[in-house]
Amino acid sequence: MRYTEINRLCKSLIVTLPSPDLPNDAPQDAEAGSFVASTPRRIRPFLQLSRFDRPVGFWLLALPCLAGLSLARMNEGFAPGDAGVAALYVLGAIAMRGAGCTYNDILDRKIDAAVARTARRPLPAGAVSLRAAIVWLVAQCLAGLGVLLLLPEDARPIALLALPLVALYPLMKRITWWPQAWLGLTFNWGVLTAAAGARGQIEAPDLLLYAGLALWTLGYDTLYALQDREDDALIGVRSTARRFGGHVRLAVSLIYALSAGLCALAGGLAGGWAGAALSLPFAGHLILQIAKLRPEDPDQALRLFRSNRDAGVLLVAGWVFIAALL
């Protein structure tokens, strides 16, 4: 038996000790202090499937929708119904992020069992059956459908076009070194949905913002993937963290620079100098992430990944301020 096969076998047998801040049945990458830890054991695995114990993903899916809406309103100000539409985008992000994670875990249950960070997820740990997970997936998709039907008419067909991206994402790590790029296209589709709902059409600033935020996701998900580089190499899972190798800091620096530049350009085209200027805090946050990055430290990479919630909030808050003044 080859050394790599022995190493892989040993890893699959390891029971990773939980953090003192996490319950024994919590996945290793769950956030300490999550409300999920205090929920009844019968429903806890379903909340874990949907990543309610890792809420940063809800933010990272909802914020592009809110950025797209605020960018579209930068010249004319918010419409009376925009607050309700924004709430729908948030609810849709919660439903579809949960559904996407459940779908991903169903397809990746064997891979997750071989990776220390994911071995305690509900499906590989046996906390929930495959059938129950599928039922939970359908329930979340139905909730997402309910939100879709309430969206502005022009937003609905654009939102539906994201489904192939969502469906194919779990397969990307098996066929390409760039699954994080595919995630960027998927996670930021809300920019185009919100733009279509607000204007009835998608314009150049919206496409620039979509490209900029897709690069942002490519960068932050590369940081996330740094946690699994060794395990991924053993089981043959591909990622940009592995592809960039020893040049990961330089690669993420360039990706973040392009992201910040495209977002500033989108803001400038839509809102003039103020739109560009108020994207600078977002750029500054990305610079700070690079300054702190130590690729050999997976715990710090996870903290930097989670900090992107704040980066996105800075971008949206600046543009909301501009639109609110009109």
Protein backbone atom coordinates (compact mmCIF):
# COMPACT_ATOMS: atom_id res chain seq x y z
CA MET A 1 0.00 0.00 0.00
CA ARG A 2 1.42 3.40 -0.94
CA TYR A 3 2.23 6.01 1.70
CA THR A 4 -0.49 8.41 0.48
CA GLU A 5 -3.09 5.66 0.73
CA ILE A 6 -2.00 4.81 4.28
CA ASN A 7 -2.12 8.49 5.21
CA ARG A 8 -5.58 8.82 3.73
CA LEU A 9 -6.81 5.77 5.64
CA CYS A 10 -5.43 7.10 8.89
CA LYS A 11 -7.11 10.47 8.34
CA SER A 12 -10.44 8.80 7.69
CA LEU A 13 -10.19 7.00 11.05
CA ILE A 14 -9.30 10.05 13.09
CA VAL A 15 -12.02 11.43 15.33
CA THR A 16 -11.24 15.12 15.60
CA LEU A 17 -11.64 16.48 19.11
CA PRO A 18 -14.17 19.32 19.32
CA SER A 19 -13.30 22.83 20.38
CA PRO A 20 -14.19 23.55 24.05
CA ASP A 21 -16.67 26.12 22.73
CA LEU A 22 -18.52 23.61 20.52
CA PRO A 23 -20.85 20.70 21.38
CA ASN A 24 -19.60 17.20 20.62
CA ASP A 25 -21.85 16.81 17.58
CA ALA A 26 -20.91 20.15 15.99
CA PRO A 27 -18.93 20.17 12.73
CA GLN A 28 -15.38 21.36 13.23
CA ASP A 29 -15.90 24.56 11.23
CA ALA A 30 -19.05 25.64 13.11
CA GLU A 31 -18.97 29.04 14.78
CA ALA A 32 -18.62 28.98 18.55
CA GLY A 33 -21.63 30.39 20.37
CA SER A 34 -24.12 29.63 17.59
CA PHE A 35 -27.76 29.29 18.64
CA VAL A 36 -27.79 25.92 16.84
CA ALA A 37 -25.91 24.34 19.74
CA SER A 38 -28.87 24.96 22.06
CA THR A 39 -31.60 23.66 19.74
CA PRO A 40 -33.26 20.22 20.23
CA ARG A 41 -31.13 17.35 18.95
CA ARG A 42 -33.81 16.26 16.49
CA ILE A 43 -33.70 19.47 14.49
CA ARG A 44 -30.05 20.38 15.05
CA PRO A 45 -28.66 18.22 12.18
CA PHE A 46 -31.01 19.95 9.72
CA LEU A 47 -29.89 23.39 10.85
CA GLN A 48 -26.30 22.19 10.49
CA LEU A 49 -27.02 20.95 6.96
CA SER A 50 -28.24 24.46 6.11
CA ARG A 51 -25.18 26.01 7.83
CA PHE A 52 -27.15 28.01 10.37
CA ASP A 53 -24.13 27.42 12.60
CA ARG A 54 -22.00 29.23 9.98
CA PRO A 55 -24.13 32.31 9.19
CA VAL A 56 -21.45 34.19 7.25
CA GLY A 57 -22.62 32.39 4.10
CA PHE A 58 -26.07 33.96 4.40
CA TRP A 59 -24.43 37.38 4.45
CA LEU A 60 -22.19 36.61 1.50
CA LEU A 61 -25.19 35.52 -0.59
CA ALA A 62 -27.51 38.38 0.45
CA LEU A 63 -25.01 41.24 0.23
CA PRO A 64 -24.56 41.04 -3.58
CA CYS A 65 -28.36 41.38 -3.95
CA LEU A 66 -28.34 44.46 -1.74
CA ALA A 67 -25.29 45.86 -3.56
CA GLY A 68 -27.04 45.39 -6.91
CA LEU A 69 -30.19 47.10 -5.65
CA SER A 70 -28.32 50.08 -4.18
CA LEU A 71 -26.18 50.44 -7.32
CA ALA A 72 -29.32 50.52 -9.47
CA ARG A 73 -30.85 53.24 -7.27
CA MET A 74 -27.78 55.48 -7.04
CA ASN A 75 -29.06 57.93 -9.65
CA GLU A 76 -32.68 58.18 -8.60
CA GLY A 77 -32.98 57.13 -4.96
CA PHE A 78 -34.84 54.22 -3.45
CA ALA A 79 -38.42 53.46 -4.50
CA PRO A 80 -41.16 53.05 -1.83
CA GLY A 81 -41.23 49.26 -2.15
CA ASP A 82 -37.47 48.69 -2.11
CA ALA A 83 -37.28 47.89 1.60
CA GLY A 84 -39.72 45.02 1.11
CA VAL A 85 -37.83 43.79 -1.95
CA ALA A 86 -34.56 43.91 0.01
CA ALA A 87 -36.18 41.82 2.75
CA LEU A 88 -37.22 39.27 0.12
CA TYR A 89 -33.65 39.06 -1.14
CA VAL A 90 -32.46 38.36 2.40
CA LEU A 91 -35.10 35.67 2.92
CA GLY A 92 -34.29 34.16 -0.47
CA ALA A 93 -30.60 34.11 0.41
CA ILE A 94 -31.35 32.24 3.64
CA ALA A 95 -33.55 29.67 1.88
CA MET A 96 -31.31 29.10 -1.13
CA ARG A 97 -28.03 29.11 0.75
CA GLY A 98 -29.48 26.46 3.04
CA ALA A 99 -30.75 24.47 0.07
CA GLY A 100 -27.44 24.80 -1.76
CA CYS A 101 -25.45 23.62 1.25
CA THR A 102 -27.79 20.69 1.79
CA TYR A 103 -27.52 19.72 -1.88
CA ASN A 104 -23.74 20.07 -1.71
CA ASP A 105 -23.55 17.84 1.38
CA ILE A 106 -25.73 15.19 -0.26
CA LEU A 107 -23.38 14.97 -3.25
CA ASP A 108 -20.18 15.32 -1.19
CA ARG A 109 -21.03 13.05 1.74
CA LYS A 110 -18.26 10.54 0.88
CA ILE A 111 -15.68 13.29 0.34
CA ASP A 112 -16.69 14.99 3.59
CA ALA A 113 -16.18 11.74 5.49
CA ALA A 114 -12.51 11.72 4.41
CA VAL A 115 -11.74 15.31 5.45
CA ALA A 116 -11.12 16.10 9.11
CA ARG A 117 -12.87 19.49 8.99
CA THR A 118 -16.08 18.09 7.50
CA ALA A 119 -16.22 14.55 8.94
CA ARG A 120 -18.68 15.59 11.67
CA ARG A 121 -21.17 17.12 9.25
CA PRO A 122 -24.60 15.49 9.67
CA LEU A 123 -24.54 13.15 6.67
CA PRO A 124 -21.05 11.62 7.03
CA ALA A 125 -21.50 11.49 10.81
CA GLY A 126 -24.81 9.62 10.44
CA ALA A 127 -26.80 12.26 12.36
CA VAL A 128 -29.34 12.46 9.54
CA SER A 129 -30.33 9.97 6.84
CA LEU A 130 -29.96 10.60 3.14
CA ARG A 131 -33.73 10.44 2.68
CA ALA A 132 -34.33 12.99 5.43
CA ALA A 133 -31.71 15.29 3.91
CA ILE A 134 -33.46 15.12 0.52
CA VAL A 135 -36.82 15.96 2.13
CA TRP A 136 -35.17 18.93 3.89
CA LEU A 137 -33.65 20.04 0.58
CA VAL A 138 -37.08 20.00 -1.11
CA ALA A 139 -38.63 21.97 1.76
CA GLN A 140 -36.00 24.71 1.45
CA CYS A 141 -36.41 24.83 -2.33
CA LEU A 142 -40.14 25.32 -1.87
CA ALA A 143 -39.45 28.18 0.52
CA GLY A 144 -37.14 29.70 -2.09
CA LEU A 145 -39.86 29.29 -4.72
CA GLY A 146 -42.27 31.18 -2.48
CA VAL A 147 -39.82 34.08 -2.26
CA LEU A 148 -39.23 33.97 -6.03
CA LEU A 149 -42.94 34.40 -6.75
CA LEU A 150 -43.00 37.57 -4.62
CA LEU A 151 -40.03 39.21 -6.37
CA PRO A 152 -40.50 41.95 -9.00
CA GLU A 153 -41.62 40.42 -12.28
CA ASP A 154 -38.43 41.30 -14.17
CA ALA A 155 -36.28 39.73 -11.45
CA ARG A 156 -37.87 36.29 -11.58
CA PRO A 157 -36.50 34.93 -14.88
CA ILE A 158 -33.00 36.22 -14.06
CA ALA A 159 -33.12 34.51 -10.66
CA LEU A 160 -34.13 31.22 -12.29
CA LEU A 161 -31.10 31.35 -14.58
CA ALA A 162 -28.90 30.82 -11.51
CA LEU A 163 -30.20 27.28 -11.00
CA PRO A 164 -27.75 25.57 -13.43
CA LEU A 165 -24.87 27.33 -11.69
CA VAL A 166 -26.09 26.07 -8.31
CA ALA A 167 -26.69 22.54 -9.59
CA LEU A 168 -23.23 22.19 -11.15
CA TYR A 169 -21.16 23.81 -8.40
CA PRO A 170 -20.55 20.66 -6.28
CA LEU A 171 -19.13 18.93 -9.36
CA MET A 172 -16.56 21.63 -10.13
CA LYS A 173 -14.03 20.48 -7.53
CA ARG A 174 -13.91 17.15 -9.35
CA ILE A 175 -13.27 18.51 -12.85
CA THR A 176 -11.48 21.86 -12.53
CA TRP A 177 -8.87 23.58 -10.40
CA TRP A 178 -11.18 26.63 -10.27
CA PRO A 179 -14.32 25.68 -8.29
CA GLN A 180 -13.94 28.95 -6.39
CA ALA A 181 -14.39 30.87 -9.66
CA TRP A 182 -17.62 28.97 -10.33
CA LEU A 183 -18.78 29.79 -6.82
CA GLY A 184 -18.13 33.45 -7.60
CA LEU A 185 -20.42 33.30 -10.62
CA THR A 186 -23.06 31.54 -8.53
CA PHE A 187 -22.96 33.47 -5.25
CA ASN A 188 -23.12 36.91 -6.87
CA TRP A 189 -25.94 36.27 -9.33
CA GLY A 190 -28.11 38.34 -7.02
CA VAL A 191 -26.45 41.47 -8.44
CA LEU A 192 -28.08 40.80 -11.81
CA THR A 193 -31.37 39.70 -10.26
CA ALA A 194 -31.61 42.88 -8.19
CA ALA A 195 -30.63 45.11 -11.11
CA ALA A 196 -33.28 43.57 -13.36
CA GLY A 197 -35.90 43.91 -10.63
CA ALA A 198 -35.04 47.57 -10.01
CA ARG A 199 -34.53 48.84 -13.57
CA GLY A 200 -36.21 46.24 -15.74
CA GLN A 201 -32.86 45.70 -17.46
CA ILE A 202 -29.21 44.95 -16.75
CA GLU A 203 -26.72 47.71 -17.58
CA ALA A 204 -22.94 48.03 -17.80
CA PRO A 205 -22.39 49.01 -14.13
CA ASP A 206 -24.30 45.91 -13.04
CA LEU A 207 -22.08 43.65 -15.15
CA LEU A 208 -18.96 45.33 -13.77
CA LEU A 209 -20.20 44.87 -10.22
CA TYR A 210 -21.06 41.24 -10.92
CA ALA A 211 -17.54 40.62 -12.26
CA GLY A 212 -15.96 42.48 -9.34
CA LEU A 213 -17.88 40.58 -6.70
CA ALA A 214 -17.31 37.26 -8.48
CA LEU A 215 -13.57 37.96 -8.14
CA TRP A 216 -14.12 38.87 -4.50
CA THR A 217 -15.67 35.43 -3.95
CA LEU A 218 -12.81 33.77 -5.83
CA GLY A 219 -10.43 35.45 -3.39
CA TYR A 220 -12.23 34.80 -0.12
CA ASP A 221 -13.13 31.22 -1.00
CA THR A 222 -9.48 30.57 -1.80
CA LEU A 223 -8.77 31.63 1.79
CA TYR A 224 -11.46 29.23 2.98
CA ALA A 225 -9.96 26.39 0.93
CA LEU A 226 -6.57 26.86 2.64
CA GLN A 227 -8.00 24.85 5.55
CA ASP A 228 -8.26 21.68 3.46
CA ARG A 229 -5.20 21.71 1.23
CA GLU A 230 -3.59 18.59 2.71
CA ASP A 231 -6.78 16.55 2.83
CA ASP A 232 -7.82 17.72 -0.63
CA ALA A 233 -4.48 16.60 -2.04
CA LEU A 234 -4.91 13.14 -0.52
CA ILE A 235 -8.40 12.55 -1.89
CA GLY A 236 -7.95 14.33 -5.22
CA VAL A 237 -10.19 17.35 -4.65
CA ARG A 238 -9.11 20.42 -6.61
CA SER A 239 -9.13 24.04 -5.49
CA THR A 240 -7.46 27.36 -6.21
CA ALA A 241 -5.73 27.10 -2.82
CA ARG A 242 -3.92 24.03 -4.16
CA ARG A 243 -3.46 25.47 -7.65
CA PHE A 244 -1.81 28.67 -6.41
CA GLY A 245 0.50 26.72 -4.09
CA GLY A 246 3.23 28.90 -2.62
CA HIS A 247 1.99 31.91 -4.58
CA VAL A 248 -1.41 32.06 -2.90
CA ARG A 249 -0.78 35.43 -1.23
CA LEU A 250 0.25 37.03 -4.52
CA ALA A 251 -2.66 35.42 -6.37
CA VAL A 252 -5.27 36.56 -3.84
CA SER A 253 -3.69 40.04 -3.81
CA LEU A 254 -4.14 40.36 -7.58
CA ILE A 255 -7.68 38.95 -7.44
CA TYR A 256 -8.68 41.35 -4.68
CA ALA A 257 -7.11 44.29 -6.55
CA LEU A 258 -9.14 43.50 -9.66
CA SER A 259 -12.26 43.05 -7.56
CA ALA A 260 -11.87 46.40 -5.81
CA GLY A 261 -11.10 48.15 -9.10
CA LEU A 262 -14.17 46.78 -10.88
CA CYS A 263 -16.45 47.62 -7.94
CA ALA A 264 -15.09 51.19 -7.85
CA LEU A 265 -15.62 51.50 -11.60
CA ALA A 266 -19.19 50.22 -11.28
CA GLY A 267 -19.86 52.69 -8.47
CA GLY A 268 -18.31 55.52 -10.47
CA LEU A 269 -20.41 54.82 -13.56
CA ALA A 270 -23.61 54.60 -11.54
CA GLY A 271 -23.04 57.29 -8.92
CA GLY A 272 -20.15 59.47 -10.05
CA TRP A 273 -17.20 60.25 -7.81
CA ALA A 274 -19.22 59.48 -4.66
CA GLY A 275 -20.05 55.98 -5.88
CA ALA A 276 -16.37 55.30 -6.55
CA ALA A 277 -15.15 56.93 -3.32
CA LEU A 278 -17.54 55.03 -1.10
CA SER A 279 -16.25 51.74 -2.48
CA LEU A 280 -12.83 52.51 -1.01
CA PRO A 281 -13.58 51.13 2.48
CA PHE A 282 -14.32 47.80 0.80
CA ALA A 283 -10.94 47.97 -0.95
CA GLY A 284 -9.23 48.90 2.30
CA HIS A 285 -10.70 45.86 4.04
CA LEU A 286 -9.35 43.58 1.31
CA ILE A 287 -5.90 45.15 1.69
CA LEU A 288 -5.97 44.48 5.43
CA GLN A 289 -6.85 40.84 4.78
CA ILE A 290 -3.80 40.41 2.56
CA ALA A 291 -1.59 42.13 5.14
CA LYS A 292 -2.74 39.65 7.80
CA LEU A 293 -2.75 36.53 5.62
CA ARG A 294 -0.48 33.66 6.65
CA PRO A 295 -1.30 30.81 4.24
CA GLU A 296 0.23 28.19 6.52
CA ASP A 297 -2.25 29.06 9.32
CA PRO A 298 -5.67 27.56 8.48
CA ASP A 299 -7.37 28.99 11.57
CA GLN A 300 -6.37 32.49 10.60
CA ALA A 301 -7.47 31.86 7.01
CA LEU A 302 -10.92 30.95 8.35
CA ARG A 303 -11.06 34.16 10.40
CA LEU A 304 -10.13 36.22 7.35
CA PHE A 305 -12.73 34.43 5.27
CA ARG A 306 -15.42 35.22 7.83
CA SER A 307 -14.33 38.87 7.97
CA ASN A 308 -15.59 39.30 4.41
CA ARG A 309 -19.04 39.85 5.84
CA ASP A 310 -17.73 43.18 7.11
CA ALA A 311 -16.10 43.95 3.76
CA GLY A 312 -19.41 43.46 1.97
CA VAL A 313 -21.32 45.50 4.55
CA LEU A 314 -18.90 48.40 4.02
CA LEU A 315 -19.56 48.37 0.27
CA VAL A 316 -23.34 48.15 0.59
CA ALA A 317 -23.56 50.73 3.38
CA GLY A 318 -21.69 53.34 1.32
CA TRP A 319 -23.91 52.89 -1.70
CA VAL A 320 -27.10 52.79 0.38
CA PHE A 321 -26.04 56.11 1.88
CA ILE A 322 -25.79 57.66 -1.59
CA ALA A 323 -29.15 56.31 -2.76
CA ALA A 324 -30.86 57.30 0.50
CA LEU A 325 -29.81 60.94 0.07
CA LEU A 326 -31.58 61.30 -3.31
